[in-house]
Amino acid sequence: MKSDTGLKTYQIEIVETMSAIIEIKAEDDSSAIIQAQEKYRHEDIELNYDDLVDTKFNIFDVK
């Protein structure tokens, strides 16, 4: 849909992907994942802009 000026309105989705490798001591892999998830949820693990590996821009909607 075009406005009176002839321009469309775009909604752009910005997706940032961050990644970090951490060390967890555990008896098995599922316990290690659970520990990492709990640490992340409790903010014991924080990713910052240095951990950014990718940014994507997607057209979400056009009006």
PDB file of N, CA and C in Angstrom:
ATOM      1  N   MET A   1       0.847  -1.167   0.000  1.00  0.00           N
ATOM      2  CA  MET A   1       0.000   0.000   0.000  1.00  0.00           C
ATOM      3  C   MET A   1       0.895   1.234   0.000  1.00  0.00           C
ATOM      4  N   LYS A   2       0.570   2.215  -0.824  1.00  0.00           N
ATOM      5  CA  LYS A   2       1.358   3.441  -0.896  1.00  0.00           C
ATOM      6  C   LYS A   2       0.610   4.563  -0.194  1.00  0.00           C
ATOM      7  N   SER A   3       1.353   5.425   0.480  1.00  0.00           N
ATOM      8  CA  SER A   3       0.750   6.581   1.126  1.00  0.00           C
ATOM      9  C   SER A   3       0.575   7.683   0.095  1.00  0.00           C
ATOM     10  N   ASP A   4       0.102   8.838   0.542  1.00  0.00           N
ATOM     11  CA  ASP A   4      -0.093   9.971  -0.363  1.00  0.00           C
ATOM     12  C   ASP A   4       1.214  10.423  -1.000  1.00  0.00           C
ATOM     13  N   THR A   5       2.341  10.188  -0.340  1.00  0.00           N
ATOM     14  CA  THR A   5       3.636  10.605  -0.880  1.00  0.00           C
ATOM     15  C   THR A   5       4.190   9.590  -1.860  1.00  0.00           C
ATOM     16  N   GLY A   6       3.518   8.461  -2.021  1.00  0.00           N
ATOM     17  CA  GLY A   6       3.994   7.422  -2.922  1.00  0.00           C
ATOM     18  C   GLY A   6       4.998   6.485  -2.284  1.00  0.00           C
ATOM     19  N   LEU A   7       5.272   6.667  -0.993  1.00  0.00           N
ATOM     20  CA  LEU A   7       6.234   5.815  -0.293  1.00  0.00           C
ATOM     21  C   LEU A   7       5.509   4.732   0.489  1.00  0.00           C
ATOM     22  N   LYS A   8       6.107   3.575   0.558  1.00  0.00           N
ATOM     23  CA  LYS A   8       5.570   2.474   1.353  1.00  0.00           C
ATOM     24  C   LYS A   8       6.183   2.520   2.746  1.00  0.00           C
ATOM     25  N   THR A   9       5.491   1.928   3.699  1.00  0.00           N
ATOM     26  CA  THR A   9       6.008   1.789   5.054  1.00  0.00           C
ATOM     27  C   THR A   9       6.461   0.352   5.238  1.00  0.00           C
ATOM     28  N   TYR A  10       7.718   0.179   5.594  1.00  0.00           N
ATOM     29  CA  TYR A  10       8.294  -1.152   5.774  1.00  0.00           C
ATOM     30  C   TYR A  10       8.554  -1.404   7.248  1.00  0.00           C
ATOM     31  N   GLN A  11       8.186  -2.579   7.708  1.00  0.00           N
ATOM     32  CA  GLN A  11       8.585  -3.035   9.034  1.00  0.00           C
ATOM     33  C   GLN A  11       9.769  -3.962   8.820  1.00  0.00           C
ATOM     34  N   ILE A  12      10.897  -3.605   9.415  1.00  0.00           N
ATOM     35  CA  ILE A  12      12.129  -4.364   9.248  1.00  0.00           C
ATOM     36  C   ILE A  12      12.448  -5.082  10.553  1.00  0.00           C
ATOM     37  N   GLU A  13      12.650  -6.381  10.450  1.00  0.00           N
ATOM     38  CA  GLU A  13      13.057  -7.187  11.600  1.00  0.00           C
ATOM     39  C   GLU A  13      14.583  -7.236  11.629  1.00  0.00           C
ATOM     40  N   ILE A  14      15.160  -6.924  12.785  1.00  0.00           N
ATOM     41  CA  ILE A  14      16.608  -7.009  12.968  1.00  0.00           C
ATOM     42  C   ILE A  14      16.881  -8.169  13.913  1.00  0.00           C
ATOM     43  N   VAL A  15      17.670  -9.138  13.444  1.00  0.00           N
ATOM     44  CA  VAL A  15      17.977 -10.331  14.233  1.00  0.00           C
ATOM     45  C   VAL A  15      19.477 -10.371  14.482  1.00  0.00           C
ATOM     46  N   GLU A  16      19.854 -10.327  15.755  1.00  0.00           N
ATOM     47  CA  GLU A  16      21.264 -10.429  16.126  1.00  0.00           C
ATOM     48  C   GLU A  16      21.518 -11.810  16.718  1.00  0.00           C
ATOM     49  N   THR A  17      22.603 -12.425  16.301  1.00  0.00           N
ATOM     50  CA  THR A  17      22.993 -13.718  16.838  1.00  0.00           C
ATOM     51  C   THR A  17      24.294 -13.541  17.604  1.00  0.00           C
ATOM     52  N   MET A  18      24.275 -13.969  18.857  1.00  0.00           N
ATOM     53  CA  MET A  18      25.468 -13.911  19.696  1.00  0.00           C
ATOM     54  C   MET A  18      25.861 -15.327  20.078  1.00  0.00           C
ATOM     55  N   SER A  19      27.143 -15.516  20.328  1.00  0.00           N
ATOM     56  CA  SER A  19      27.630 -16.853  20.638  1.00  0.00           C
ATOM     57  C   SER A  19      28.798 -16.765  21.612  1.00  0.00           C
ATOM     58  N   ALA A  20      28.827 -17.692  22.553  1.00  0.00           N
ATOM     59  CA  ALA A  20      29.946 -17.790  23.489  1.00  0.00           C
ATOM     60  C   ALA A  20      30.143 -19.257  23.852  1.00  0.00           C
ATOM     61  N   ILE A  21      31.376 -19.622  24.072  1.00  0.00           N
ATOM     62  CA  ILE A  21      31.691 -20.975  24.540  1.00  0.00           C
ATOM     63  C   ILE A  21      32.091 -20.868  26.001  1.00  0.00           C
ATOM     64  N   ILE A  22      31.402 -21.636  26.839  1.00  0.00           N
ATOM     65  CA  ILE A  22      31.677 -21.631  28.274  1.00  0.00           C
ATOM     66  C   ILE A  22      32.052 -23.042  28.704  1.00  0.00           C
ATOM     67  N   GLU A  23      32.643 -23.160  29.872  1.00  0.00           N
ATOM     68  CA  GLU A  23      32.988 -24.478  30.412  1.00  0.00           C
ATOM     69  C   GLU A  23      32.101 -24.782  31.608  1.00  0.00           C
ATOM     70  N   ILE A  24      31.522 -25.975  31.609  1.00  0.00           N
ATOM     71  CA  ILE A  24      30.651 -26.456  32.681  1.00  0.00           C
ATOM     72  C   ILE A  24      31.154 -27.830  33.099  1.00  0.00           C
ATOM     73  N   LYS A  25      31.270 -28.057  34.400  1.00  0.00           N
ATOM     74  CA  LYS A  25      31.620 -29.388  34.907  1.00  0.00           C
ATOM     75  C   LYS A  25      30.328 -30.101  35.277  1.00  0.00           C
ATOM     76  N   ALA A  26      30.116 -31.278  34.675  1.00  0.00           N
ATOM     77  CA  ALA A  26      28.882 -32.031  34.909  1.00  0.00           C
ATOM     78  C   ALA A  26      29.139 -33.509  34.663  1.00  0.00           C
ATOM     79  N   GLU A  27      28.207 -34.336  35.133  1.00  0.00           N
ATOM     80  CA  GLU A  27      28.326 -35.787  34.962  1.00  0.00           C
ATOM     81  C   GLU A  27      27.994 -36.246  33.547  1.00  0.00           C
ATOM     82  N   ASP A  28      27.100 -35.507  32.851  1.00  0.00           N
ATOM     83  CA  ASP A  28      26.744 -35.883  31.480  1.00  0.00           C
ATOM     84  C   ASP A  28      26.333 -34.639  30.699  1.00  0.00           C
ATOM     85  N   ASP A  29      26.117 -34.826  29.385  1.00  0.00           N
ATOM     86  CA  ASP A  29      25.848 -33.676  28.529  1.00  0.00           C
ATOM     87  C   ASP A  29      24.523 -32.988  28.836  1.00  0.00           C
ATOM     88  N   SER A  30      23.482 -33.749  29.173  1.00  0.00           N
ATOM     89  CA  SER A  30      22.203 -33.104  29.474  1.00  0.00           C
ATOM     90  C   SER A  30      22.280 -32.283  30.759  1.00  0.00           C
ATOM     91  N   SER A  31      23.032 -32.758  31.749  1.00  0.00           N
ATOM     92  CA  SER A  31      23.235 -31.983  32.978  1.00  0.00           C
ATOM     93  C   SER A  31      24.018 -30.707  32.692  1.00  0.00           C
ATOM     94  N   ALA A  32      24.984 -30.803  31.800  1.00  0.00           N
ATOM     95  CA  ALA A  32      25.778 -29.624  31.434  1.00  0.00           C
ATOM     96  C   ALA A  32      24.901 -28.570  30.759  1.00  0.00           C
ATOM     97  N   ILE A  33      24.020 -29.013  29.863  1.00  0.00           N
ATOM     98  CA  ILE A  33      23.107 -28.080  29.187  1.00  0.00           C
ATOM     99  C   ILE A  33      22.185 -27.418  30.200  1.00  0.00           C
ATOM    100  N   ILE A  34      21.624 -28.199  31.110  1.00  0.00           N
ATOM    101  CA  ILE A  34      20.717 -27.657  32.127  1.00  0.00           C
ATOM    102  C   ILE A  34      21.441 -26.631  32.989  1.00  0.00           C
ATOM    103  N   GLN A  35      22.659 -26.944  33.404  1.00  0.00           N
ATOM    104  CA  GLN A  35      23.437 -25.997  34.209  1.00  0.00           C
ATOM    105  C   GLN A  35      23.689 -24.702  33.443  1.00  0.00           C
ATOM    106  N   ALA A  36      24.052 -24.820  32.169  1.00  0.00           N
ATOM    107  CA  ALA A  36      24.310 -23.632  31.355  1.00  0.00           C
ATOM    108  C   ALA A  36      23.040 -22.792  31.207  1.00  0.00           C
ATOM    109  N   GLN A  37      21.898 -23.449  30.976  1.00  0.00           N
ATOM    110  CA  GLN A  37      20.628 -22.730  30.851  1.00  0.00           C
ATOM    111  C   GLN A  37      20.282 -21.992  32.140  1.00  0.00           C
ATOM    112  N   GLU A  38      20.475 -22.663  33.282  1.00  0.00           N
ATOM    113  CA  GLU A  38      20.183 -22.031  34.569  1.00  0.00           C
ATOM    114  C   GLU A  38      21.101 -20.841  34.816  1.00  0.00           C
ATOM    115  N   LYS A  39      22.387 -20.994  34.528  1.00  0.00           N
ATOM    116  CA  LYS A  39      23.325 -19.885  34.702  1.00  0.00           C
ATOM    117  C   LYS A  39      22.949 -18.707  33.801  1.00  0.00           C
ATOM    118  N   TYR A  40      22.542 -18.995  32.569  1.00  0.00           N
ATOM    119  CA  TYR A  40      22.146 -17.943  31.634  1.00  0.00           C
ATOM    120  C   TYR A  40      20.889 -17.233  32.130  1.00  0.00           C
ATOM    121  N   ARG A  41      19.883 -17.999  32.567  1.00  0.00           N
ATOM    122  CA  ARG A  41      18.630 -17.414  33.058  1.00  0.00           C
ATOM    123  C   ARG A  41      18.846 -16.557  34.302  1.00  0.00           C
ATOM    124  N   HIS A  42      19.794 -16.951  35.138  1.00  0.00           N
ATOM    125  CA  HIS A  42      20.075 -16.193  36.362  1.00  0.00           C
ATOM    126  C   HIS A  42      21.127 -15.111  36.137  1.00  0.00           C
ATOM    127  N   GLU A  43      21.473 -14.873  34.880  1.00  0.00           N
ATOM    128  CA  GLU A  43      22.418 -13.834  34.467  1.00  0.00           C
ATOM    129  C   GLU A  43      23.823 -14.042  35.021  1.00  0.00           C
ATOM    130  N   ASP A  44      24.166 -15.297  35.331  1.00  0.00           N
ATOM    131  CA  ASP A  44      25.549 -15.611  35.684  1.00  0.00           C
ATOM    132  C   ASP A  44      26.408 -15.646  34.419  1.00  0.00           C
ATOM    133  N   ILE A  45      25.746 -15.850  33.283  1.00  0.00           N
ATOM    134  CA  ILE A  45      26.396 -15.796  31.974  1.00  0.00           C
ATOM    135  C   ILE A  45      25.723 -14.670  31.206  1.00  0.00           C
ATOM    136  N   GLU A  46      26.498 -13.694  30.772  1.00  0.00           N
ATOM    137  CA  GLU A  46      25.958 -12.592  29.986  1.00  0.00           C
ATOM    138  C   GLU A  46      26.740 -12.474  28.690  1.00  0.00           C
ATOM    139  N   LEU A  47      26.008 -12.428  27.604  1.00  0.00           N
ATOM    140  CA  LEU A  47      26.640 -12.193  26.314  1.00  0.00           C
ATOM    141  C   LEU A  47      26.614 -10.693  26.052  1.00  0.00           C
ATOM    142  N   ASN A  48      27.684 -10.195  25.449  1.00  0.00           N
ATOM    143  CA  ASN A  48      27.734  -8.774  25.133  1.00  0.00           C
ATOM    144  C   ASN A  48      28.083  -8.584  23.666  1.00  0.00           C
ATOM    145  N   TYR A  49      28.275  -7.337  23.272  1.00  0.00           N
ATOM    146  CA  TYR A  49      28.470  -7.052  21.852  1.00  0.00           C
ATOM    147  C   TYR A  49      29.725  -7.707  21.286  1.00  0.00           C
ATOM    148  N   ASP A  50      30.695  -8.020  22.128  1.00  0.00           N
ATOM    149  CA  ASP A  50      31.886  -8.731  21.648  1.00  0.00           C
ATOM    150  C   ASP A  50      31.550 -10.157  21.199  1.00  0.00           C
ATOM    151  N   ASP A  51      30.417 -10.682  21.652  1.00  0.00           N
ATOM    152  CA  ASP A  51      29.985 -12.035  21.305  1.00  0.00           C
ATOM    153  C   ASP A  51      29.104 -12.073  20.050  1.00  0.00           C
ATOM    154  N   LEU A  52      28.886 -10.909  19.426  1.00  0.00           N
ATOM    155  CA  LEU A  52      28.045 -10.834  18.236  1.00  0.00           C
ATOM    156  C   LEU A  52      28.707 -11.547  17.066  1.00  0.00           C
ATOM    157  N   VAL A  53      27.981 -12.460  16.427  1.00  0.00           N
ATOM    158  CA  VAL A  53      28.532 -13.190  15.282  1.00  0.00           C
ATOM    159  C   VAL A  53      27.788 -12.901  13.980  1.00  0.00           C
ATOM    160  N   ASP A  54      26.550 -12.375  14.068  1.00  0.00           N
ATOM    161  CA  ASP A  54      25.805 -12.119  12.842  1.00  0.00           C
ATOM    162  C   ASP A  54      24.658 -11.156  13.113  1.00  0.00           C
ATOM    163  N   THR A  55      24.330 -10.338  12.121  1.00  0.00           N
ATOM    164  CA  THR A  55      23.153  -9.474  12.160  1.00  0.00           C
ATOM    165  C   THR A  55      22.446  -9.601  10.818  1.00  0.00           C
ATOM    166  N   LYS A  56      21.143  -9.857  10.872  1.00  0.00           N
ATOM    167  CA  LYS A  56      20.347  -9.978   9.649  1.00  0.00           C
ATOM    168  C   LYS A  56      19.212  -8.962   9.685  1.00  0.00           C
ATOM    169  N   PHE A  57      18.862  -8.461   8.522  1.00  0.00           N
ATOM    170  CA  PHE A  57      17.752  -7.530   8.368  1.00  0.00           C
ATOM    171  C   PHE A  57      16.738  -8.172   7.424  1.00  0.00           C
ATOM    172  N   ASN A  58      15.515  -8.348   7.904  1.00  0.00           N
ATOM    173  CA  ASN A  58      14.465  -8.996   7.119  1.00  0.00           C
ATOM    174  C   ASN A  58      13.260  -8.077   7.010  1.00  0.00           C
ATOM    175  N   ILE A  59      12.658  -8.030   5.824  1.00  0.00           N
ATOM    176  CA  ILE A  59      11.408  -7.291   5.687  1.00  0.00           C
ATOM    177  C   ILE A  59      10.325  -8.121   6.356  1.00  0.00           C
ATOM    178  N   PHE A  60       9.684  -7.521   7.352  1.00  0.00           N
ATOM    179  CA  PHE A  60       8.673  -8.213   8.140  1.00  0.00           C
ATOM    180  C   PHE A  60       7.281  -7.972   7.562  1.00  0.00           C
ATOM    181  N   ASP A  61       7.027  -6.722   7.155  1.00  0.00           N
ATOM    182  CA  ASP A  61       5.712  -6.379   6.631  1.00  0.00           C
ATOM    183  C   ASP A  61       5.834  -5.113   5.792  1.00  0.00           C
ATOM    184  N   VAL A  62       4.940  -4.964   4.832  1.00  0.00           N
ATOM    185  CA  VAL A  62       4.873  -3.767   3.991  1.00  0.00           C
ATOM    186  C   VAL A  62       3.454  -3.240   4.073  1.00  0.00           C
ATOM    187  N   LYS A  63       3.344  -1.951   4.324  1.00  0.00           N
ATOM    188  CA  LYS A  63       2.008  -1.331   4.407  1.00  0.00           C
ATOM    189  C   LYS A  63       1.878  -0.265   3.349  1.00  0.00           C
TER     190      LYS A  63
END
